[in-house]
Every structure is written in C-alpha cells, then in structure tokens.
C-alpha cells in the first residue's frame, strides 16, 4: 500500500469555541470511514507551526485519498496539502 501524508490547516472561521472542534473532527472521521473504505488511517498528530494536523494514511487507490482530502476540506473547514511518502530505509534502497 502507498503511504500519504495529509497536512491540514483549519480555517479560523470553522468554529467559535475550541470545544466545537471535537464534533467537527468526529464528523469528518465518520464521513471518511463511510465514504473512503480504501483509506487506512495510520496516525494523526496535532502540530504547532504552519499546519494544525498531520495525518498518515495508506491506500492502494490515490482517488480514495483525494476523496478523503476533499471531505477534510469541506466538512473540516480546512485547507490540505497531500504528499506521497515512503519509509526512509525503503528510499535509501532505491538510490
């Protein structure tokens, strides 16, 4: 399976109370699980800096990952940047 890194920035207008974000996150996760069965969530991190969240996912189908990022954008009120990735040791083997 291919690995993808999804970097997300949440819109400041997405919610007025930080506690509302938990409901948004649950809604997005539920929608992705339902609509993108080919995407396997490996890890998620809240980060400081340019991005608010980093998600590591795997999928055989890049279209499923694209669909998941559109759900994050639409229902999570976020902008995303998605990167294909591979474990460092695998990368070293191909060069």
C-alpha atoms as a PDB file:
ATOM      1  CA  UNK A   1       0.000   0.000   0.000  1.00  0.00           C
ATOM      2  CA  UNK A   2       1.170   3.510  -0.726  1.00  0.00           C
ATOM      3  CA  UNK A   3       1.648   5.958   2.140  1.00  0.00           C
ATOM      4  CA  UNK A   4       0.309   9.515   2.070  1.00  0.00           C
ATOM      5  CA  UNK A   5       0.851  12.414   4.450  1.00  0.00           C
ATOM      6  CA  UNK A   6      -2.063  14.845   4.694  1.00  0.00           C
ATOM      7  CA  UNK A   7      -1.183  18.263   6.109  1.00  0.00           C
ATOM      8  CA  UNK A   8      -4.180  20.344   7.208  1.00  0.00           C
ATOM      9  CA  UNK A   9      -4.802  23.917   8.303  1.00  0.00           C
ATOM     10  CA  UNK A  10      -8.123  24.584   9.980  1.00  0.00           C
ATOM     11  CA  UNK A  11      -9.939  27.755   8.990  1.00  0.00           C
ATOM     12  CA  UNK A  12     -10.167  30.302  11.824  1.00  0.00           C
ATOM     13  CA  UNK A  13     -13.850  30.662  10.912  1.00  0.00           C
ATOM     14  CA  UNK A  14     -14.542  26.934  11.365  1.00  0.00           C
ATOM     15  CA  UNK A  15     -15.720  27.312  14.960  1.00  0.00           C
ATOM     16  CA  UNK A  16     -16.042  29.936  17.665  1.00  0.00           C
ATOM     17  CA  UNK A  17     -15.455  27.685  20.663  1.00  0.00           C
ATOM     18  CA  UNK A  18     -12.475  25.272  20.607  1.00  0.00           C
ATOM     19  CA  UNK A  19     -14.646  22.569  22.151  1.00  0.00           C
ATOM     20  CA  UNK A  20     -16.789  22.606  18.986  1.00  0.00           C
ATOM     21  CA  UNK A  21     -13.823  21.258  17.037  1.00  0.00           C
ATOM     22  CA  UNK A  22     -14.162  17.815  18.601  1.00  0.00           C
ATOM     23  CA  UNK A  23     -17.600  17.434  16.991  1.00  0.00           C
ATOM     24  CA  UNK A  24     -16.235  18.565  13.635  1.00  0.00           C
ATOM     25  CA  UNK A  25     -13.343  16.087  13.866  1.00  0.00           C
ATOM     26  CA  UNK A  26     -15.692  13.222  14.743  1.00  0.00           C
ATOM     27  CA  UNK A  27     -17.978  14.111  11.837  1.00  0.00           C
ATOM     28  CA  UNK A  28     -15.079  14.212   9.366  1.00  0.00           C
ATOM     29  CA  UNK A  29     -13.653  10.892  10.606  1.00  0.00           C
ATOM     30  CA  UNK A  30     -17.067   9.222  10.370  1.00  0.00           C
ATOM     31  CA  UNK A  31     -17.639  10.527   6.843  1.00  0.00           C
ATOM     32  CA  UNK A  32     -14.220   9.367   5.633  1.00  0.00           C
ATOM     33  CA  UNK A  33     -14.698   5.934   7.179  1.00  0.00           C
ATOM     34  CA  UNK A  34     -18.047   5.601   5.392  1.00  0.00           C
ATOM     35  CA  UNK A  35     -17.130   7.121   2.015  1.00  0.00           C
ATOM     36  CA  UNK A  36     -13.466   6.089   1.671  1.00  0.00           C
ATOM     37  CA  UNK A  37     -13.183   2.421   2.670  1.00  0.00           C
ATOM     38  CA  UNK A  38      -9.910   2.123   0.746  1.00  0.00           C
ATOM     39  CA  UNK A  39      -8.133   4.576   3.059  1.00  0.00           C
ATOM     40  CA  UNK A  40      -6.483   3.176   6.190  1.00  0.00           C
ATOM     41  CA  UNK A  41      -5.707   5.785   8.860  1.00  0.00           C
ATOM     42  CA  UNK A  42      -2.350   5.000  10.469  1.00  0.00           C
ATOM     43  CA  UNK A  43      -1.680   8.027  12.696  1.00  0.00           C
ATOM     44  CA  UNK A  44      -2.826  11.579  13.340  1.00  0.00           C
ATOM     45  CA  UNK A  45      -0.967  14.386  15.071  1.00  0.00           C
ATOM     46  CA  UNK A  46      -1.917  17.845  16.231  1.00  0.00           C
ATOM     47  CA  UNK A  47       1.018  20.124  15.471  1.00  0.00           C
ATOM     48  CA  UNK A  48       2.267  23.612  16.126  1.00  0.00           C
ATOM     49  CA  UNK A  49       3.506  25.735  13.289  1.00  0.00           C
ATOM     50  CA  UNK A  50       2.235  26.059   9.744  1.00  0.00           C
ATOM     51  CA  UNK A  51      -0.141  23.075   9.877  1.00  0.00           C
ATOM     52  CA  UNK A  52      -2.668  22.209  12.571  1.00  0.00           C
ATOM     53  CA  UNK A  53      -2.809  18.483  11.822  1.00  0.00           C
ATOM     54  CA  UNK A  54      -0.723  15.795  10.161  1.00  0.00           C
ATOM     55  CA  UNK A  55      -2.402  12.533   9.166  1.00  0.00           C
ATOM     56  CA  UNK A  56      -0.578   9.447   7.902  1.00  0.00           C
ATOM     57  CA  UNK A  57      -2.767   7.206   5.732  1.00  0.00           C
ATOM     58  CA  UNK A  58      -2.300   4.241   3.416  1.00  0.00           C
ATOM     59  CA  UNK A  59      -4.243   3.304   0.312  1.00  0.00           C
ATOM     60  CA  UNK A  60      -3.945   1.319  -2.889  1.00  0.00           C
ATOM     61  CA  UNK A  61      -6.135   3.892  -4.623  1.00  0.00           C
ATOM     62  CA  UNK A  62      -4.962   7.534  -4.806  1.00  0.00           C
ATOM     63  CA  UNK A  63      -8.505   8.531  -5.807  1.00  0.00           C
ATOM     64  CA  UNK A  64      -9.727   7.396  -2.379  1.00  0.00           C
ATOM     65  CA  UNK A  65      -7.092   9.599  -0.729  1.00  0.00           C
ATOM     66  CA  UNK A  66      -8.147  12.535  -2.894  1.00  0.00           C
ATOM     67  CA  UNK A  67     -11.756  11.970  -1.852  1.00  0.00           C
ATOM     68  CA  UNK A  68     -10.723  11.856   1.825  1.00  0.00           C
ATOM     69  CA  UNK A  69      -8.884  15.169   1.484  1.00  0.00           C
ATOM     70  CA  UNK A  70     -11.942  16.757  -0.116  1.00  0.00           C
ATOM     71  CA  UNK A  71     -14.018  15.598   2.859  1.00  0.00           C
ATOM     72  CA  UNK A  72     -11.446  17.144   5.213  1.00  0.00           C
ATOM     73  CA  UNK A  73     -11.632  20.395   3.253  1.00  0.00           C
ATOM     74  CA  UNK A  74     -15.425  20.544   3.019  1.00  0.00           C
ATOM     75  CA  UNK A  75     -16.546  19.201   6.380  1.00  0.00           C
ATOM     76  CA  UNK A  76     -13.416  20.033   8.366  1.00  0.00           C
ATOM     77  CA  UNK A  77     -13.261  23.595   7.050  1.00  0.00           C
ATOM     78  CA  UNK A  78      -9.594  23.116   6.262  1.00  0.00           C
ATOM     79  CA  UNK A  79      -7.022  23.517   3.555  1.00  0.00           C
ATOM     80  CA  UNK A  80      -4.868  20.489   2.853  1.00  0.00           C
ATOM     81  CA  UNK A  81      -1.613  19.525   1.216  1.00  0.00           C
ATOM     82  CA  UNK A  82      -1.081  15.850   0.455  1.00  0.00           C
ATOM     83  CA  UNK A  83       2.303  14.213  -0.051  1.00  0.00           C
ATOM     84  CA  UNK A  84       3.206  10.711  -1.173  1.00  0.00           C
ATOM     85  CA  UNK A  85       5.774   9.221   1.173  1.00  0.00           C
ATOM     86  CA  UNK A  86       7.853   6.147   1.822  1.00  0.00           C
ATOM     87  CA  UNK A  87       9.829   4.861   4.802  1.00  0.00           C
ATOM     88  CA  UNK A  88      13.373   6.256   4.855  1.00  0.00           C
ATOM     89  CA  UNK A  89      15.027   2.819   4.657  1.00  0.00           C
ATOM     90  CA  UNK A  90      12.987   1.965   1.531  1.00  0.00           C
ATOM     91  CA  UNK A  91      14.039   5.270  -0.019  1.00  0.00           C
ATOM     92  CA  UNK A  92      17.705   4.556   0.666  1.00  0.00           C
ATOM     93  CA  UNK A  93      17.402   1.167  -1.035  1.00  0.00           C
ATOM     94  CA  UNK A  94      16.235   2.699  -4.311  1.00  0.00           C
ATOM     95  CA  UNK A  95      19.011   5.276  -4.650  1.00  0.00           C
END
